[in-house]
C-alpha atoms as a PDB file:
ATOM      1  CA  MET A   1     -30.936  31.758 -12.281  1.00  0.00           C
ATOM      2  CA  LYS A   2     -32.347  32.480  -8.884  1.00  0.00           C
ATOM      3  CA  ARG A   3     -31.065  35.682  -7.384  1.00  0.00           C
ATOM      4  CA  THR A   4     -32.570  35.395  -3.927  1.00  0.00           C
ATOM      5  CA  GLY A   5     -29.623  37.053  -2.191  1.00  0.00           C
ATOM      6  CA  GLU A   6     -29.781  40.166  -4.349  1.00  0.00           C
ATOM      7  CA  LYS A   7     -33.526  40.354  -4.002  1.00  0.00           C
ATOM      8  CA  VAL A   8     -33.440  40.022  -0.196  1.00  0.00           C
ATOM      9  CA  LEU A   9     -30.712  42.652   0.170  1.00  0.00           C
ATOM     10  CA  SER A  10     -32.566  45.072  -2.096  1.00  0.00           C
ATOM     11  CA  ILE A  11     -35.866  44.544  -0.265  1.00  0.00           C
ATOM     12  CA  ILE A  12     -34.210  45.190   3.110  1.00  0.00           C
ATOM     13  CA  ALA A  13     -32.544  48.331   1.737  1.00  0.00           C
ATOM     14  CA  THR A  14     -35.839  49.482   0.213  1.00  0.00           C
ATOM     15  CA  ILE A  15     -37.649  49.025   3.530  1.00  0.00           C
ATOM     16  CA  LEU A  16     -34.921  51.020   5.282  1.00  0.00           C
ATOM     17  CA  ASN A  17     -35.216  53.748   2.624  1.00  0.00           C
ATOM     18  CA  GLY A  18     -38.979  53.830   3.170  1.00  0.00           C
ATOM     19  CA  LEU A  19     -38.506  54.172   6.917  1.00  0.00           C
ATOM     20  CA  THR A  20     -36.023  56.984   6.301  1.00  0.00           C
ATOM     21  CA  VAL A  21     -38.543  58.836   4.132  1.00  0.00           C
ATOM     22  CA  VAL A  22     -41.270  58.469   6.771  1.00  0.00           C
ATOM     23  CA  PHE A  23     -38.899  59.593   9.546  1.00  0.00           C
ATOM     24  CA  LEU A  24     -37.762  62.652   7.579  1.00  0.00           C
ATOM     25  CA  ILE A  25     -41.329  63.680   6.773  1.00  0.00           C
ATOM     26  CA  LEU A  26     -42.403  63.303  10.416  1.00  0.00           C
ATOM     27  CA  LEU A  27     -39.354  65.269  11.553  1.00  0.00           C
ATOM     28  CA  LEU A  28     -40.005  68.102   9.099  1.00  0.00           C
ATOM     29  CA  VAL A  29     -43.728  68.316   9.812  1.00  0.00           C
ATOM     30  CA  GLY A  30     -43.121  68.134  13.568  1.00  0.00           C
ATOM     31  CA  SER A  31     -40.511  70.880  13.508  1.00  0.00           C
ATOM     32  CA  LYS A  32     -42.807  73.050  11.371  1.00  0.00           C
ATOM     33  CA  MET A  33     -45.646  72.543  13.852  1.00  0.00           C
ATOM     34  CA  PHE A  34     -43.300  73.357  16.750  1.00  0.00           C
ATOM     35  CA  MET A  35     -42.079  76.551  15.096  1.00  0.00           C
ATOM     36  CA  ASP A  36     -45.629  77.635  14.261  1.00  0.00           C
ATOM     37  CA  ALA A  37     -46.717  76.968  17.850  1.00  0.00           C
ATOM     38  CA  GLN A  38     -43.732  78.862  19.181  1.00  0.00           C
ATOM     39  CA  MET A  39     -44.447  81.901  17.031  1.00  0.00           C
ATOM     40  CA  ASP A  40     -48.176  81.896  17.822  1.00  0.00           C
ATOM     41  CA  ASP A  41     -47.800  81.466  21.589  1.00  0.00           C
ATOM     42  CA  PRO A  42     -47.082  84.865  23.192  1.00  0.00           C
ATOM     43  CA  LEU A  43     -46.074  83.275  26.501  1.00  0.00           C
ATOM     44  CA  LEU A  44     -43.439  81.092  24.850  1.00  0.00           C
ATOM     45  CA  GLN A  45     -42.269  84.000  22.694  1.00  0.00           C
ATOM     46  CA  SER A  46     -41.883  86.300  25.730  1.00  0.00           C
ATOM     47  CA  GLU A  47     -40.051  83.552  27.648  1.00  0.00           C
ATOM     48  CA  PHE A  48     -37.590  83.191  24.767  1.00  0.00           C
ATOM     49  CA  GLU A  49     -37.079  86.976  24.626  1.00  0.00           C
ATOM     50  CA  ASN A  50     -36.587  87.141  28.425  1.00  0.00           C
ATOM     51  CA  GLU A  51     -33.856  84.511  28.157  1.00  0.00           C
ATOM     52  CA  LEU A  52     -32.196  86.640  25.500  1.00  0.00           C
ATOM     53  CA  TYR A  53     -32.519  89.785  27.694  1.00  0.00           C
ATOM     54  CA  MET A  54     -30.920  87.955  30.620  1.00  0.00           C
ATOM     55  CA  SER A  55     -27.963  86.999  28.455  1.00  0.00           C
ATOM     56  CA  GLY A  56     -27.095  90.689  28.149  1.00  0.00           C
ATOM     57  CA  LEU A  57     -28.103  91.330  24.546  1.00  0.00           C
ATOM     58  CA  THR A  58     -29.512  94.644  23.380  1.00  0.00           C
ATOM     59  CA  GLN A  59     -32.938  94.969  21.754  1.00  0.00           C
ATOM     60  CA  ALA A  60     -31.369  95.281  18.281  1.00  0.00           C
ATOM     61  CA  GLU A  61     -29.350  92.093  18.849  1.00  0.00           C
ATOM     62  CA  ILE A  62     -32.434  90.253  20.113  1.00  0.00           C
ATOM     63  CA  ASP A  63     -34.394  91.273  17.011  1.00  0.00           C
ATOM     64  CA  GLU A  64     -31.516  90.065  14.864  1.00  0.00           C
ATOM     65  CA  VAL A  65     -31.373  86.713  16.698  1.00  0.00           C
ATOM     66  CA  LEU A  66     -35.135  86.228  16.217  1.00  0.00           C
ATOM     67  CA  LEU A  67     -34.825  87.051  12.505  1.00  0.00           C
ATOM     68  CA  TYR A  68     -31.896  84.668  12.030  1.00  0.00           C
ATOM     69  CA  THR A  69     -33.701  81.921  13.948  1.00  0.00           C
ATOM     70  CA  ASP A  70     -36.603  82.064  11.505  1.00  0.00           C
ATOM     71  CA  ASP A  71     -34.205  82.065   8.554  1.00  0.00           C
ATOM     72  CA  ILE A  72     -32.244  79.100   9.860  1.00  0.00           C
ATOM     73  CA  PHE A  73     -35.383  77.013  10.359  1.00  0.00           C
ATOM     74  CA  SER A  74     -36.554  77.922   6.843  1.00  0.00           C
ATOM     75  CA  VAL A  75     -33.246  76.811   5.323  1.00  0.00           C
ATOM     76  CA  ILE A  76     -33.198  73.589   7.341  1.00  0.00           C
ATOM     77  CA  SER A  77     -36.766  72.859   6.271  1.00  0.00           C
ATOM     78  CA  GLY A  78     -35.909  73.415   2.607  1.00  0.00           C
ATOM     79  CA  ILE A  79     -32.850  71.178   2.794  1.00  0.00           C
ATOM     80  CA  GLY A  80     -34.906  68.548   4.627  1.00  0.00           C
ATOM     81  CA  TRP A  81     -37.454  68.398   1.824  1.00  0.00           C
ATOM     82  CA  ILE A  82     -34.627  68.012  -0.700  1.00  0.00           C
ATOM     83  CA  PHE A  83     -33.433  64.990   1.300  1.00  0.00           C
ATOM     84  CA  VAL A  84     -36.980  63.591   1.242  1.00  0.00           C
ATOM     85  CA  VAL A  85     -37.121  63.863  -2.561  1.00  0.00           C
ATOM     86  CA  ILE A  86     -33.697  62.239  -2.945  1.00  0.00           C
ATOM     87  CA  SER A  87     -34.714  59.417  -0.586  1.00  0.00           C
ATOM     88  CA  VAL A  88     -37.928  58.843  -2.550  1.00  0.00           C
ATOM     89  CA  ILE A  89     -35.888  58.582  -5.768  1.00  0.00           C
ATOM     90  CA  ALA A  90     -33.614  56.019  -4.092  1.00  0.00           C
ATOM     91  CA  LEU A  91     -36.695  54.142  -2.880  1.00  0.00           C
ATOM     92  CA  ILE A  92     -38.184  53.987  -6.383  1.00  0.00           C
ATOM     93  CA  LEU A  93     -34.894  52.889  -7.969  1.00  0.00           C
ATOM     94  CA  GLY A  94     -34.508  50.169  -5.328  1.00  0.00           C
ATOM     95  CA  ILE A  95     -38.012  48.857  -6.026  1.00  0.00           C
ATOM     96  CA  ILE A  96     -37.448  48.837  -9.796  1.00  0.00           C
ATOM     97  CA  GLY A  97     -34.095  47.084  -9.346  1.00  0.00           C
ATOM     98  CA  ALA A  98     -35.639  44.451  -7.061  1.00  0.00           C
ATOM     99  CA  VAL A  99     -38.302  43.728  -9.680  1.00  0.00           C
ATOM    100  CA  LYS A 100     -35.788  43.483 -12.549  1.00  0.00           C
ATOM    101  CA  VAL A 101     -33.118  41.486 -10.716  1.00  0.00           C
ATOM    102  CA  ASN A 102     -34.194  38.062 -12.041  1.00  0.00           C
ATOM    103  CA  LYS A 103     -34.615  39.134 -15.685  1.00  0.00           C
ATOM    104  CA  LYS A 104     -31.900  41.745 -16.224  1.00  0.00           C
ATOM    105  CA  ALA A 105     -29.266  41.483 -13.528  1.00  0.00           C
ATOM    106  CA  LYS A 106     -26.888  44.070 -15.039  1.00  0.00           C
ATOM    107  CA  THR A 107     -29.670  46.682 -15.273  1.00  0.00           C
ATOM    108  CA  ALA A 108     -30.711  45.929 -11.699  1.00  0.00           C
ATOM    109  CA  GLY A 109     -27.090  46.285 -10.579  1.00  0.00           C
ATOM    110  CA  ILE A 110     -26.841  49.717 -12.195  1.00  0.00           C
ATOM    111  CA  LEU A 111     -30.120  50.763 -10.554  1.00  0.00           C
ATOM    112  CA  PHE A 112     -28.836  49.508  -7.196  1.00  0.00           C
ATOM    113  CA  ILE A 113     -25.652  51.572  -7.532  1.00  0.00           C
ATOM    114  CA  ILE A 114     -27.608  54.727  -8.401  1.00  0.00           C
ATOM    115  CA  ALA A 115     -30.018  54.086  -5.513  1.00  0.00           C
ATOM    116  CA  ALA A 116     -27.049  53.570  -3.172  1.00  0.00           C
ATOM    117  CA  ILE A 117     -25.602  56.919  -4.215  1.00  0.00           C
ATOM    118  CA  PHE A 118     -28.938  58.651  -3.613  1.00  0.00           C
ATOM    119  CA  SER A 119     -29.526  56.942  -0.269  1.00  0.00           C
ATOM    120  CA  GLY A 120     -25.987  57.581   0.939  1.00  0.00           C
ATOM    121  CA  ILE A 121     -23.162  55.204   0.213  1.00  0.00           C
ATOM    122  CA  ILE A 122     -22.071  55.001   3.848  1.00  0.00           C
ATOM    123  CA  SER A 123     -25.597  54.368   5.155  1.00  0.00           C
ATOM    124  CA  ILE A 124     -26.779  50.848   5.914  1.00  0.00           C
ATOM    125  CA  GLN A 125     -29.168  50.808   2.979  1.00  0.00           C
ATOM    126  CA  GLY A 126     -26.447  52.142   0.669  1.00  0.00           C
ATOM    127  CA  ILE A 127     -24.053  49.380   1.724  1.00  0.00           C
ATOM    128  CA  LEU A 128     -26.739  46.717   1.209  1.00  0.00           C
ATOM    129  CA  LEU A 129     -27.499  48.076  -2.267  1.00  0.00           C
ATOM    130  CA  ILE A 130     -23.804  48.122  -3.199  1.00  0.00           C
ATOM    131  CA  ILE A 131     -23.464  44.488  -2.078  1.00  0.00           C
ATOM    132  CA  ALA A 132     -26.541  43.538  -4.127  1.00  0.00           C
ATOM    133  CA  ALA A 133     -25.129  45.395  -7.150  1.00  0.00           C
ATOM    134  CA  ILE A 134     -21.788  43.602  -6.862  1.00  0.00           C
ATOM    135  CA  MET A 135     -23.619  40.277  -6.650  1.00  0.00           C
ATOM    136  CA  CYS A 136     -25.594  41.194  -9.784  1.00  0.00           C
ATOM    137  CA  PHE A 137     -22.400  41.875 -11.719  1.00  0.00           C
ATOM    138  CA  VAL A 138     -20.275  39.014 -10.408  1.00  0.00           C
ATOM    139  CA  ARG A 139     -22.645  36.057 -10.334  1.00  0.00           C
ATOM    140  CA  LYS A 140     -22.928  34.465 -13.739  1.00  0.00           C
ATOM    141  CA  PRO A 141     -25.855  32.311 -14.804  1.00  0.00           C
ATOM    142  CA  GLN A 142     -25.154  28.607 -14.795  1.00  0.00           C
ATOM    143  CA  SER A 143     -24.557  27.174 -18.221  1.00  0.00           C
ATOM    144  CA  GLU A 144     -27.128  24.769 -19.561  1.00  0.00           C
ATOM    145  CA  VAL A 145     -24.454  22.334 -20.809  1.00  0.00           C
ATOM    146  CA  SER A 146     -25.012  18.847 -19.579  1.00  0.00           C
ATOM    147  CA  LEU A 147     -22.474  17.559 -17.117  1.00  0.00           C
ATOM    148  CA  GLN A 148     -22.493  14.031 -18.543  1.00  0.00           C
ATOM    149  CA  LYS A 149     -19.114  12.398 -18.933  1.00  0.00           C
ATOM    150  CA  LYS A 150     -17.699  11.807 -22.386  1.00  0.00           C
ATOM    151  CA  ASP A 151     -15.745   8.740 -23.272  1.00  0.00           C
ATOM    152  CA  GLU A 152     -12.326   8.901 -24.913  1.00  0.00           C
ATOM    153  CA  ASP A 153     -13.898   9.252 -28.384  1.00  0.00           C
ATOM    154  CA  GLY A 154     -15.927  12.342 -27.314  1.00  0.00           C
ATOM    155  CA  TYR A 155     -19.295  10.545 -27.144  1.00  0.00           C
ATOM    156  CA  TYR A 156     -21.715  10.519 -24.261  1.00  0.00           C
END
């Protein structure tokens, strides 16, 4: 049985997952480069501290803000890389499901559901994968029985 609909939906979702992975990596690398440039540039660092001085903070509070800023960016970076790994897993499961959809539709449907969970059920790619999974489970292969008419005695 041809399963073109499932295959197309899974390929679109896989492409969207791939774009998500690329976007997340660029965002994380760009923010890391920005933070490194900010910490290495004394002019930018002094400008940031002057803004904090003008807001009425004491030196101890400014030091605390600078420490927390570094910590927050470290945590966000760590969480971002976790999202990259999860998105890569969803990407791989989507590819495997798209390859298996014609041979083992139930297995592909299970892979699509797992990939949808990893990519985010409410995201566009998650919704496409859920639709493809439902199609894998609901559509039954056509029976090979001939549709010839029988006469009243049961003969063809």
